[in-house]
Each structure stands twice: as structure tokens, then as C-alpha cells.
Amino acid sequence: MLHAVVETLRSSLGAGVKGSVLGAGGIALRTVIIYGFTLILVRMGSRRFLGKASAFDFIVAIMLGAIMGRSINGSGSLLPTLVAGLVLVVLHWLLALLAFRTGWLGSIIKGNPILLIKKGEVQPTGMRRASITSEDLTGALRLQTNQDDPAKVQFAYLERSGRISVVPQMREPRLWVVSIEKGVQTIRIELQ
């Protein structure tokens, strides 16, 4: 009985069958298995796969998709594909853990932020190193600060995720005093 079930499952999954011969039912069953397994792997591995990830995370996500895709269409065996995906996610998790524990490895794997603006002055060395044009920088300033004048920015960095972060200049606080007389009472409002 158990042998018959195993043989039916192997036949449905297309064990030993080339991808071009694999039927629609076999491909659908493989897709369900790969989807469920990959979902578990991504949940185990890192929440950053789909968030604001670094190049380190994107590479693993692309590789995982490529590995798993081969098994769905039958060009790769199912069990070795699942093992390869598991090894890839465990390796990613271990490297991320080591990068967290050691600053130098994190810099090697994920890179470092690049200074683009310092105290209102555009940093040409950082711009060249990051391959950021002045139009790219101006666009990022508009999106994040609603203005495009670098002189109004304390710092701007190209972050490890590839996004540009902006720290605006701190403004001098202004004190406004408004006095309103109402009968005998005076109401005084101070705003900063």
C-alpha cells in the first residue's frame, strides 16, 4: 500500500521524467510543493528579502528563485532543488548573523554608506564613487525634503540599500509673540 502511494507520488511529480514530458498535473503539483517550501525558506531566512534589502539580500532572492524555478519546469530534480534552496538560505542566514556580530564582515558583504552632501556642500568624491549624477541627487532632495538646494542639507548619504537618505539643516528657532487684548485680560501666545 505504502509502496503504491510512493510510486503514485513519484509518477505525479515526474521523477526521472524530462521537463518536456512532464504533464500539467505534475507541473502543478511541483509548483505547489516548491511554493510552500520556498515560502517556509523565506520566512526562516530573512524578512529583508522583500523589504528594503541590500544587494546581499537581492542576490540571494534572485538565486533562490532561479534554483526553485528549475524544479517547477522539470529541468531540475525536486529533492536536490529543495536541498540547494535550503543550503542557500542557511548560508545567507549565517552570513547575515556574522555580519551583525562583526562590523568588518558587514562592511565587506553589504558595503558602507557613501557621503554625498556634508554641511550643505556636495561631495564630488562621493558622487563619483556612488555614480550619482547631480540630477539624481536633486531628485532625491526634492522627494525627501520638498526642496532641491543642497545648501539646506546637513548630510546626504547613498545608503547600503541603494537609497539616498537626507538629513536637513536644523533651522534657528524663531520666537513669535502675539498679544491679544480682550477686555481686561491679555492673552499671550508664544510660538517657536
N, C-alpha and C. Protein backbone atom coordinates (compact mmCIF):
# COMPACT_ATOMS: atom_id res chain seq x y z
N MET A 1 0.82 -1.19 0.00
CA MET A 1 0.00 0.00 0.00
C MET A 1 0.87 1.26 0.00
N LEU A 2 1.82 1.34 0.96
CA LEU A 2 2.71 2.49 1.05
C LEU A 2 3.55 2.61 -0.22
N HIS A 3 3.98 1.47 -0.73
CA HIS A 3 4.77 1.46 -1.96
C HIS A 3 3.96 2.03 -3.13
N ALA A 4 2.69 1.70 -3.20
CA ALA A 4 1.82 2.21 -4.27
C ALA A 4 1.64 3.72 -4.16
N VAL A 5 1.50 4.22 -2.94
CA VAL A 5 1.35 5.66 -2.73
C VAL A 5 2.62 6.39 -3.15
N VAL A 6 3.76 5.84 -2.74
CA VAL A 6 5.05 6.46 -3.09
C VAL A 6 5.22 6.47 -4.61
N GLU A 7 4.90 5.38 -5.27
CA GLU A 7 5.04 5.30 -6.73
C GLU A 7 4.09 6.28 -7.43
N THR A 8 2.87 6.43 -6.92
CA THR A 8 1.92 7.37 -7.49
C THR A 8 2.43 8.80 -7.33
N LEU A 9 2.97 9.10 -6.17
CA LEU A 9 3.53 10.43 -5.92
C LEU A 9 4.74 10.69 -6.82
N ARG A 10 5.62 9.70 -6.94
CA ARG A 10 6.80 9.85 -7.82
C ARG A 10 6.36 10.06 -9.27
N SER A 11 5.37 9.34 -9.67
CA SER A 11 4.86 9.47 -11.04
C SER A 11 4.22 10.84 -11.26
N SER A 12 3.46 11.30 -10.27
CA SER A 12 2.81 12.61 -10.37
C SER A 12 3.82 13.75 -10.41
N LEU A 13 4.90 13.59 -9.65
CA LEU A 13 5.94 14.62 -9.60
C LEU A 13 6.89 14.53 -10.79
N GLY A 14 6.76 13.46 -11.56
CA GLY A 14 7.60 13.33 -12.75
C GLY A 14 9.02 12.92 -12.42
N ALA A 15 9.20 12.08 -11.40
CA ALA A 15 10.54 11.62 -11.04
C ALA A 15 11.16 10.86 -12.20
N GLY A 16 12.33 11.30 -12.63
CA GLY A 16 13.03 10.66 -13.73
C GLY A 16 12.50 11.02 -15.10
N VAL A 17 11.58 11.97 -15.18
CA VAL A 17 10.99 12.37 -16.45
C VAL A 17 11.54 13.74 -16.85
N LYS A 18 11.87 13.90 -18.12
CA LYS A 18 12.34 15.20 -18.62
C LYS A 18 11.21 16.21 -18.57
N GLY A 19 11.58 17.50 -18.45
CA GLY A 19 10.60 18.58 -18.30
C GLY A 19 9.62 18.65 -19.45
N SER A 20 10.06 18.35 -20.68
CA SER A 20 9.16 18.45 -21.83
C SER A 20 8.09 17.38 -21.82
N VAL A 21 8.32 16.27 -21.07
CA VAL A 21 7.36 15.18 -20.99
C VAL A 21 6.46 15.33 -19.76
N LEU A 22 6.86 16.14 -18.81
CA LEU A 22 6.12 16.33 -17.57
C LEU A 22 4.74 16.90 -17.88
N GLY A 23 3.71 16.28 -17.37
CA GLY A 23 2.35 16.72 -17.64
C GLY A 23 1.95 17.94 -16.83
N ALA A 24 0.79 18.50 -17.15
CA ALA A 24 0.28 19.68 -16.48
C ALA A 24 0.04 19.41 -15.00
N GLY A 25 -0.46 18.23 -14.68
CA GLY A 25 -0.70 17.88 -13.28
C GLY A 25 0.59 17.79 -12.49
N GLY A 26 1.63 17.23 -13.10
CA GLY A 26 2.93 17.12 -12.43
C GLY A 26 3.55 18.49 -12.19
N ILE A 27 3.44 19.36 -13.20
CA ILE A 27 3.98 20.73 -13.05
C ILE A 27 3.20 21.48 -11.97
N ALA A 28 1.87 21.31 -11.95
CA ALA A 28 1.06 21.99 -10.94
C ALA A 28 1.41 21.49 -9.53
N LEU A 29 1.58 20.18 -9.37
CA LEU A 29 1.93 19.63 -8.07
C LEU A 29 3.32 20.12 -7.63
N ARG A 30 4.28 20.11 -8.56
CA ARG A 30 5.62 20.63 -8.24
C ARG A 30 5.55 22.11 -7.84
N THR A 31 4.71 22.87 -8.53
CA THR A 31 4.58 24.30 -8.22
C THR A 31 4.07 24.50 -6.80
N VAL A 32 3.07 23.72 -6.40
CA VAL A 32 2.53 23.83 -5.05
C VAL A 32 3.61 23.48 -4.02
N ILE A 33 4.34 22.41 -4.26
CA ILE A 33 5.38 21.99 -3.32
C ILE A 33 6.50 23.03 -3.24
N ILE A 34 6.98 23.50 -4.38
CA ILE A 34 8.05 24.49 -4.42
C ILE A 34 7.58 25.80 -3.78
N TYR A 35 6.36 26.21 -4.06
CA TYR A 35 5.84 27.45 -3.47
C TYR A 35 5.82 27.36 -1.95
N GLY A 36 5.25 26.28 -1.44
CA GLY A 36 5.17 26.11 0.01
C GLY A 36 6.54 26.04 0.65
N PHE A 37 7.45 25.28 0.05
CA PHE A 37 8.80 25.14 0.60
C PHE A 37 9.55 26.47 0.55
N THR A 38 9.44 27.19 -0.56
CA THR A 38 10.13 28.48 -0.70
C THR A 38 9.57 29.50 0.27
N LEU A 39 8.26 29.48 0.49
CA LEU A 39 7.65 30.38 1.47
C LEU A 39 8.22 30.12 2.87
N ILE A 40 8.35 28.86 3.22
CA ILE A 40 8.95 28.49 4.51
C ILE A 40 10.40 28.96 4.58
N LEU A 41 11.15 28.76 3.50
CA LEU A 41 12.55 29.18 3.47
C LEU A 41 12.69 30.68 3.64
N VAL A 42 11.88 31.45 2.95
CA VAL A 42 11.96 32.91 3.03
C VAL A 42 11.58 33.37 4.43
N ARG A 43 10.58 32.77 5.03
CA ARG A 43 10.18 33.13 6.39
C ARG A 43 11.28 32.77 7.38
N MET A 44 11.97 31.66 7.16
CA MET A 44 13.07 31.26 8.03
C MET A 44 14.29 32.15 7.82
N GLY A 45 14.56 32.47 6.57
CA GLY A 45 15.80 33.14 6.22
C GLY A 45 15.88 34.58 6.62
N SER A 46 15.02 35.41 6.09
CA SER A 46 15.13 36.83 6.35
C SER A 46 13.87 37.53 5.91
N ARG A 47 13.43 38.47 6.71
CA ARG A 47 12.28 39.28 6.32
C ARG A 47 12.69 40.36 5.34
N ARG A 48 14.01 40.53 5.16
CA ARG A 48 14.50 41.60 4.30
C ARG A 48 14.42 41.25 2.82
N PHE A 49 14.13 39.99 2.46
CA PHE A 49 14.07 39.62 1.05
C PHE A 49 13.16 40.56 0.27
N LEU A 50 12.03 40.92 0.86
CA LEU A 50 11.07 41.74 0.15
C LEU A 50 10.97 43.16 0.68
N GLY A 51 11.75 43.46 1.71
CA GLY A 51 11.72 44.79 2.29
C GLY A 51 12.78 45.67 1.65
N LYS A 52 13.31 46.58 2.46
CA LYS A 52 14.37 47.47 1.99
C LYS A 52 15.69 46.73 2.10
N ALA A 53 15.93 45.88 1.16
CA ALA A 53 17.06 44.97 1.22
C ALA A 53 18.31 45.57 0.61
N SER A 54 19.44 44.98 1.00
CA SER A 54 20.71 45.36 0.39
C SER A 54 20.96 44.45 -0.81
N ALA A 55 22.03 44.72 -1.54
CA ALA A 55 22.39 43.87 -2.68
C ALA A 55 22.59 42.43 -2.22
N PHE A 56 23.11 42.27 -1.03
CA PHE A 56 23.31 40.96 -0.40
C PHE A 56 22.00 40.16 -0.37
N ASP A 57 20.91 40.81 -0.01
CA ASP A 57 19.61 40.14 0.08
C ASP A 57 19.01 39.89 -1.30
N PHE A 58 19.17 40.86 -2.22
CA PHE A 58 18.62 40.69 -3.56
C PHE A 58 19.28 39.53 -4.30
N ILE A 59 20.58 39.38 -4.13
CA ILE A 59 21.29 38.29 -4.80
C ILE A 59 20.74 36.95 -4.36
N VAL A 60 20.53 36.80 -3.06
CA VAL A 60 20.00 35.53 -2.54
C VAL A 60 18.58 35.31 -3.05
N ALA A 61 17.77 36.36 -3.09
CA ALA A 61 16.39 36.22 -3.58
C ALA A 61 16.37 35.79 -5.04
N ILE A 62 17.24 36.38 -5.85
CA ILE A 62 17.29 36.02 -7.28
C ILE A 62 17.77 34.58 -7.44
N MET A 63 18.83 34.22 -6.70
CA MET A 63 19.35 32.86 -6.79
C MET A 63 18.31 31.83 -6.34
N LEU A 64 17.60 32.15 -5.27
CA LEU A 64 16.58 31.23 -4.77
C LEU A 64 15.48 31.02 -5.81
N GLY A 65 15.07 32.11 -6.44
CA GLY A 65 14.06 32.00 -7.50
C GLY A 65 14.55 31.16 -8.68
N ALA A 66 15.80 31.35 -9.06
CA ALA A 66 16.35 30.59 -10.19
C ALA A 66 16.44 29.10 -9.85
N ILE A 67 16.91 28.81 -8.65
CA ILE A 67 17.03 27.40 -8.24
C ILE A 67 15.66 26.73 -8.21
N MET A 68 14.70 27.39 -7.58
CA MET A 68 13.37 26.79 -7.43
C MET A 68 12.64 26.69 -8.76
N GLY A 69 12.86 27.66 -9.64
CA GLY A 69 12.20 27.63 -10.94
C GLY A 69 12.60 26.43 -11.79
N ARG A 70 13.84 26.01 -11.65
CA ARG A 70 14.30 24.84 -12.43
C ARG A 70 13.51 23.59 -12.07
N SER A 71 13.16 23.46 -10.84
CA SER A 71 12.44 22.26 -10.41
C SER A 71 10.98 22.28 -10.86
N ILE A 72 10.39 23.46 -10.94
CA ILE A 72 8.99 23.54 -11.34
C ILE A 72 8.81 23.04 -12.76
N ASN A 73 9.69 23.48 -13.67
CA ASN A 73 9.51 23.08 -15.07
C ASN A 73 10.10 21.71 -15.38
N GLY A 74 10.69 21.06 -14.38
CA GLY A 74 11.19 19.70 -14.58
C GLY A 74 12.62 19.63 -15.06
N SER A 75 13.31 20.76 -15.23
CA SER A 75 14.70 20.69 -15.68
C SER A 75 15.64 20.36 -14.54
N GLY A 76 15.16 20.39 -13.31
CA GLY A 76 15.94 20.00 -12.15
C GLY A 76 15.15 19.02 -11.31
N SER A 77 15.85 18.12 -10.65
CA SER A 77 15.17 17.15 -9.78
C SER A 77 14.61 17.86 -8.55
N LEU A 78 13.52 17.36 -8.03
CA LEU A 78 12.82 18.02 -6.94
C LEU A 78 13.62 18.03 -5.64
N LEU A 79 14.06 16.89 -5.18
CA LEU A 79 14.74 16.81 -3.89
C LEU A 79 16.06 17.59 -3.89
N PRO A 80 16.94 17.44 -4.88
CA PRO A 80 18.16 18.25 -4.89
C PRO A 80 17.88 19.76 -4.95
N THR A 81 16.81 20.14 -5.61
CA THR A 81 16.45 21.55 -5.66
C THR A 81 16.04 22.07 -4.29
N LEU A 82 15.24 21.30 -3.57
CA LEU A 82 14.84 21.69 -2.22
C LEU A 82 16.05 21.80 -1.29
N VAL A 83 16.98 20.85 -1.41
CA VAL A 83 18.20 20.88 -0.59
C VAL A 83 19.05 22.10 -0.95
N ALA A 84 19.20 22.39 -2.24
CA ALA A 84 20.00 23.55 -2.67
C ALA A 84 19.39 24.84 -2.16
N GLY A 85 18.07 24.96 -2.21
CA GLY A 85 17.40 26.15 -1.69
C GLY A 85 17.61 26.30 -0.20
N LEU A 86 17.51 25.20 0.52
CA LEU A 86 17.73 25.22 1.96
C LEU A 86 19.16 25.64 2.29
N VAL A 87 20.13 25.08 1.59
CA VAL A 87 21.54 25.42 1.81
C VAL A 87 21.77 26.91 1.54
N LEU A 88 21.19 27.43 0.47
CA LEU A 88 21.36 28.84 0.12
C LEU A 88 20.80 29.76 1.21
N VAL A 89 19.62 29.45 1.72
CA VAL A 89 19.01 30.29 2.76
C VAL A 89 19.77 30.17 4.08
N VAL A 90 20.22 28.98 4.43
CA VAL A 90 21.00 28.81 5.66
C VAL A 90 22.32 29.57 5.54
N LEU A 91 22.98 29.50 4.38
CA LEU A 91 24.22 30.25 4.17
C LEU A 91 23.98 31.76 4.29
N HIS A 92 22.89 32.24 3.71
CA HIS A 92 22.54 33.65 3.81
C HIS A 92 22.30 34.05 5.26
N TRP A 93 21.59 33.22 5.99
CA TRP A 93 21.29 33.49 7.38
C TRP A 93 22.58 33.53 8.21
N LEU A 94 23.47 32.58 7.97
CA LEU A 94 24.75 32.56 8.71
C LEU A 94 25.60 33.79 8.39
N LEU A 95 25.69 34.16 7.13
CA LEU A 95 26.47 35.34 6.77
C LEU A 95 25.85 36.61 7.36
N ALA A 96 24.53 36.70 7.36
CA ALA A 96 23.86 37.86 7.96
C ALA A 96 24.13 37.92 9.46
N LEU A 97 24.13 36.77 10.12
CA LEU A 97 24.41 36.71 11.55
C LEU A 97 25.86 37.13 11.83
N LEU A 98 26.79 36.63 11.04
CA LEU A 98 28.20 37.02 11.19
C LEU A 98 28.39 38.50 10.90
N ALA A 99 27.71 39.02 9.90
CA ALA A 99 27.81 40.44 9.57
C ALA A 99 27.27 41.30 10.71
N PHE A 100 26.23 40.81 11.37
CA PHE A 100 25.67 41.53 12.52
C PHE A 100 26.65 41.54 13.69
N ARG A 101 27.31 40.41 13.91
CA ARG A 101 28.22 40.28 15.06
C ARG A 101 29.57 40.93 14.83
N THR A 102 30.00 41.02 13.58
CA THR A 102 31.31 41.62 13.28
C THR A 102 31.11 42.75 12.28
N GLY A 103 31.46 43.95 12.67
CA GLY A 103 31.27 45.11 11.79
C GLY A 103 32.05 45.02 10.50
N TRP A 104 33.26 44.46 10.54
CA TRP A 104 34.10 44.42 9.34
C TRP A 104 33.51 43.51 8.28
N LEU A 105 32.89 42.40 8.68
CA LEU A 105 32.29 41.50 7.69
C LEU A 105 31.04 42.12 7.09
N GLY A 106 30.28 42.85 7.92
CA GLY A 106 29.10 43.54 7.41
C GLY A 106 29.46 44.55 6.34
N SER A 107 30.59 45.25 6.55
CA SER A 107 31.05 46.21 5.54
C SER A 107 31.46 45.53 4.26
N ILE A 108 32.09 44.37 4.37
CA ILE A 108 32.52 43.63 3.17
C ILE A 108 31.31 43.10 2.41
N ILE A 109 30.38 42.50 3.11
CA ILE A 109 29.23 41.87 2.46
C ILE A 109 28.22 42.90 1.96
N LYS A 110 27.89 43.87 2.81
CA LYS A 110 26.81 44.80 2.49
C LYS A 110 27.28 46.16 2.01
N GLY A 111 28.55 46.49 2.21
CA GLY A 111 29.06 47.78 1.80
C GLY A 111 28.91 48.82 2.91
N ASN A 112 29.26 50.06 2.60
CA ASN A 112 29.18 51.17 3.55
C ASN A 112 28.41 52.31 2.90
N PRO A 113 27.78 53.16 3.72
CA PRO A 113 27.14 54.35 3.15
C PRO A 113 28.20 55.28 2.55
N ILE A 114 27.81 56.03 1.53
CA ILE A 114 28.72 56.96 0.86
C ILE A 114 28.19 58.37 1.07
N LEU A 115 29.04 59.25 1.59
CA LEU A 115 28.68 60.63 1.88
C LEU A 115 28.56 61.42 0.57
N LEU A 116 27.38 62.04 0.36
CA LEU A 116 27.13 62.81 -0.87
C LEU A 116 27.08 64.31 -0.60
N ILE A 117 26.55 64.71 0.55
CA ILE A 117 26.49 66.12 0.94
C ILE A 117 26.94 66.22 2.39
N LYS A 118 27.81 67.19 2.66
CA LYS A 118 28.26 67.44 4.03
C LYS A 118 28.15 68.93 4.31
N LYS A 119 27.31 69.27 5.28
CA LYS A 119 27.09 70.67 5.70
C LYS A 119 26.80 71.58 4.52
N GLY A 120 25.91 71.12 3.65
CA GLY A 120 25.46 71.94 2.53
C GLY A 120 26.34 71.89 1.30
N GLU A 121 27.46 71.19 1.35
CA GLU A 121 28.36 71.12 0.20
C GLU A 121 28.34 69.73 -0.41
N VAL A 122 28.12 69.68 -1.71
CA VAL A 122 28.12 68.42 -2.43
C VAL A 122 29.54 67.87 -2.43
N GLN A 123 29.68 66.58 -2.17
CA GLN A 123 30.97 65.92 -2.10
C GLN A 123 31.26 65.21 -3.43
N PRO A 124 32.09 65.81 -4.29
CA PRO A 124 32.34 65.23 -5.61
C PRO A 124 32.93 63.82 -5.56
N THR A 125 33.78 63.56 -4.57
CA THR A 125 34.38 62.22 -4.46
C THR A 125 33.30 61.17 -4.21
N GLY A 126 32.39 61.47 -3.30
CA GLY A 126 31.30 60.55 -3.01
C GLY A 126 30.36 60.37 -4.19
N MET A 127 30.11 61.47 -4.89
CA MET A 127 29.23 61.40 -6.07
C MET A 127 29.83 60.48 -7.13
N ARG A 128 31.14 60.63 -7.38
CA ARG A 128 31.81 59.77 -8.36
C ARG A 128 31.81 58.31 -7.91
N ARG A 129 32.15 58.10 -6.64
CA ARG A 129 32.22 56.74 -6.11
C ARG A 129 30.87 56.03 -6.19
N ALA A 130 29.80 56.79 -5.97
CA ALA A 130 28.45 56.21 -6.00
C ALA A 130 27.81 56.24 -7.38
N SER A 131 28.49 56.86 -8.34
CA SER A 131 27.94 57.02 -9.70
C SER A 131 26.58 57.72 -9.65
N ILE A 132 26.49 58.76 -8.83
CA ILE A 132 25.27 59.55 -8.69
C ILE A 132 25.46 60.86 -9.44
N THR A 133 24.53 61.17 -10.32
CA THR A 133 24.60 62.44 -11.03
C THR A 133 23.96 63.53 -10.17
N SER A 134 24.24 64.78 -10.51
CA SER A 134 23.64 65.87 -9.76
C SER A 134 22.12 65.87 -9.93
N GLU A 135 21.63 65.40 -11.08
CA GLU A 135 20.18 65.30 -11.29
C GLU A 135 19.57 64.25 -10.37
N ASP A 136 20.28 63.11 -10.18
CA ASP A 136 19.79 62.08 -9.25
C ASP A 136 19.72 62.62 -7.83
N LEU A 137 20.75 63.34 -7.44
CA LEU A 137 20.80 63.90 -6.09
C LEU A 137 19.71 64.96 -5.89
N THR A 138 19.54 65.82 -6.88
CA THR A 138 18.49 66.84 -6.80
C THR A 138 17.11 66.20 -6.70
N GLY A 139 16.89 65.15 -7.46
CA GLY A 139 15.61 64.43 -7.40
C GLY A 139 15.37 63.84 -6.02
N ALA A 140 16.41 63.25 -5.42
CA ALA A 140 16.27 62.68 -4.08
C ALA A 140 15.98 63.77 -3.06
N LEU A 141 16.63 64.92 -3.21
CA LEU A 141 16.36 66.04 -2.29
C LEU A 141 14.92 66.50 -2.40
N ARG A 142 14.42 66.60 -3.63
CA ARG A 142 13.02 67.03 -3.83
C ARG A 142 12.06 66.04 -3.18
N LEU A 143 12.32 64.74 -3.37
CA LEU A 143 11.42 63.73 -2.83
C LEU A 143 11.41 63.69 -1.31
N GLN A 144 12.57 63.95 -0.69
CA GLN A 144 12.65 63.79 0.75
C GLN A 144 12.50 65.09 1.54
N THR A 145 12.82 66.22 0.93
CA THR A 145 12.76 67.48 1.69
C THR A 145 11.88 68.53 1.04
N ASN A 146 11.29 68.23 -0.09
CA ASN A 146 10.44 69.17 -0.84
C ASN A 146 11.18 70.42 -1.29
N GLN A 147 12.47 70.33 -1.43
CA GLN A 147 13.29 71.41 -1.99
C GLN A 147 14.51 70.77 -2.63
N ASP A 148 15.22 71.52 -3.46
CA ASP A 148 16.35 70.91 -4.17
C ASP A 148 17.68 71.65 -3.97
N ASP A 149 17.80 72.41 -2.89
CA ASP A 149 19.01 73.17 -2.62
C ASP A 149 19.91 72.39 -1.65
N PRO A 150 21.08 71.91 -2.12
CA PRO A 150 21.98 71.17 -1.23
C PRO A 150 22.46 72.00 -0.04
N ALA A 151 22.45 73.32 -0.16
CA ALA A 151 22.89 74.18 0.94
C ALA A 151 21.97 74.04 2.15
N LYS A 152 20.77 73.55 1.96
CA LYS A 152 19.81 73.40 3.06
C LYS A 152 19.87 71.99 3.66
N VAL A 153 20.91 71.22 3.30
CA VAL A 153 21.04 69.84 3.76
C VAL A 153 22.29 69.71 4.63
N GLN A 154 22.13 69.12 5.79
CA GLN A 154 23.27 68.87 6.68
C GLN A 154 24.11 67.71 6.13
N PHE A 155 23.46 66.57 5.87
CA PHE A 155 24.14 65.39 5.32
C PHE A 155 23.21 64.67 4.37
N ALA A 156 23.79 64.04 3.35
CA ALA A 156 23.07 63.12 2.48
C ALA A 156 24.01 61.95 2.20
N TYR A 157 23.46 60.74 2.25
CA TYR A 157 24.24 59.53 2.04
C TYR A 157 23.56 58.63 1.02
N LEU A 158 24.37 57.91 0.25
CA LEU A 158 23.86 56.77 -0.50
C LEU A 158 23.98 55.60 0.45
N GLU A 159 22.85 55.07 0.90
CA GLU A 159 22.85 54.01 1.91
C GLU A 159 23.17 52.66 1.29
N ARG A 160 23.42 51.67 2.16
CA ARG A 160 23.75 50.32 1.70
C ARG A 160 22.63 49.69 0.90
N SER A 161 21.42 50.15 1.13
CA SER A 161 20.26 49.62 0.40
C SER A 161 20.15 50.21 -1.00
N GLY A 162 20.95 51.25 -1.31
CA GLY A 162 20.87 51.90 -2.61
C GLY A 162 20.00 53.15 -2.60
N ARG A 163 19.37 53.45 -1.49
CA ARG A 163 18.53 54.64 -1.37
C ARG A 163 19.37 55.80 -0.86
N ILE A 164 18.93 57.02 -1.18
CA ILE A 164 19.61 58.22 -0.70
C ILE A 164 18.85 58.73 0.51
N SER A 165 19.58 58.90 1.64
CA SER A 165 18.96 59.46 2.84
C SER A 165 19.46 60.89 3.01
N VAL A 166 18.58 61.75 3.52
CA VAL A 166 18.88 63.17 3.64
C VAL A 166 18.58 63.63 5.06
N VAL A 167 19.55 64.37 5.66
CA VAL A 167 19.36 65.00 6.96
C VAL A 167 19.35 66.50 6.71
N PRO A 168 18.19 67.16 6.84
CA PRO A 168 18.13 68.60 6.55
C PRO A 168 18.87 69.42 7.60
N GLN A 169 19.25 70.65 7.20
CA GLN A 169 19.87 71.59 8.14
C GLN A 169 18.86 71.91 9.22
N MET A 170 19.35 72.08 10.43
CA MET A 170 18.47 72.49 11.53
C MET A 170 18.27 74.00 11.42
N ARG A 171 17.03 74.43 11.48
CA ARG A 171 16.73 75.86 11.41
C ARG A 171 16.82 76.49 12.78
N GLU A 172 17.18 77.75 12.78
CA GLU A 172 17.17 78.52 14.02
C GLU A 172 15.72 78.67 14.47
N PRO A 173 15.43 78.36 15.73
CA PRO A 173 14.04 78.55 16.18
C PRO A 173 13.69 80.03 16.23
N ARG A 174 12.52 80.33 15.75
CA ARG A 174 12.03 81.72 15.78
C ARG A 174 10.97 81.83 16.86
N LEU A 175 11.01 82.94 17.59
CA LEU A 175 10.04 83.17 18.64
C LEU A 175 9.07 84.23 18.15
N TRP A 176 7.83 83.89 18.08
CA TRP A 176 6.79 84.84 17.70
C TRP A 176 5.97 85.11 18.95
N VAL A 177 5.73 86.34 19.20
CA VAL A 177 4.89 86.70 20.34
C VAL A 177 3.68 87.45 19.80
N VAL A 178 2.53 86.95 20.14
CA VAL A 178 1.28 87.58 19.72
C VAL A 178 0.51 87.93 20.98
N SER A 179 0.15 89.19 21.11
CA SER A 179 -0.66 89.62 22.26
C SER A 179 -2.03 90.03 21.76
N ILE A 180 -3.04 89.50 22.40
CA ILE A 180 -4.41 89.83 22.04
C ILE A 180 -5.08 90.32 23.32
N GLU A 181 -5.63 91.51 23.25
CA GLU A 181 -6.32 92.04 24.42
C GLU A 181 -7.80 91.79 24.29
N LYS A 182 -8.37 91.29 25.35
CA LYS A 182 -9.80 91.00 25.36
C LYS A 182 -10.33 91.55 26.68
N GLY A 183 -10.92 92.67 26.57
CA GLY A 183 -11.41 93.29 27.80
C GLY A 183 -10.22 93.66 28.68
N VAL A 184 -10.19 93.12 29.86
CA VAL A 184 -9.13 93.42 30.83
C VAL A 184 -8.00 92.40 30.71
N GLN A 185 -8.29 91.19 30.21
CA GLN A 185 -7.29 90.14 30.15
C GLN A 185 -6.41 90.28 28.90
N THR A 186 -5.17 89.86 29.03
CA THR A 186 -4.26 89.81 27.89
C THR A 186 -3.88 88.34 27.67
N ILE A 187 -4.07 87.87 26.47
CA ILE A 187 -3.70 86.50 26.12
C ILE A 187 -2.38 86.59 25.36
N ARG A 188 -1.39 85.85 25.81
CA ARG A 188 -0.08 85.90 25.18
C ARG A 188 0.23 84.51 24.60
N ILE A 189 0.53 84.44 23.32
CA ILE A 189 0.82 83.18 22.65
C ILE A 189 2.25 83.26 22.14
N GLU A 190 3.06 82.26 22.50
CA GLU A 190 4.43 82.19 22.01
C GLU A 190 4.58 80.94 21.17
N LEU A 191 5.06 81.11 19.95
CA LEU A 191 5.26 80.00 19.03
C LEU A 191 6.73 79.91 18.68
N GLN A 192 7.19 78.73 18.49
CA GLN A 192 8.57 78.55 18.03
C GLN A 192 8.57 77.93 16.67
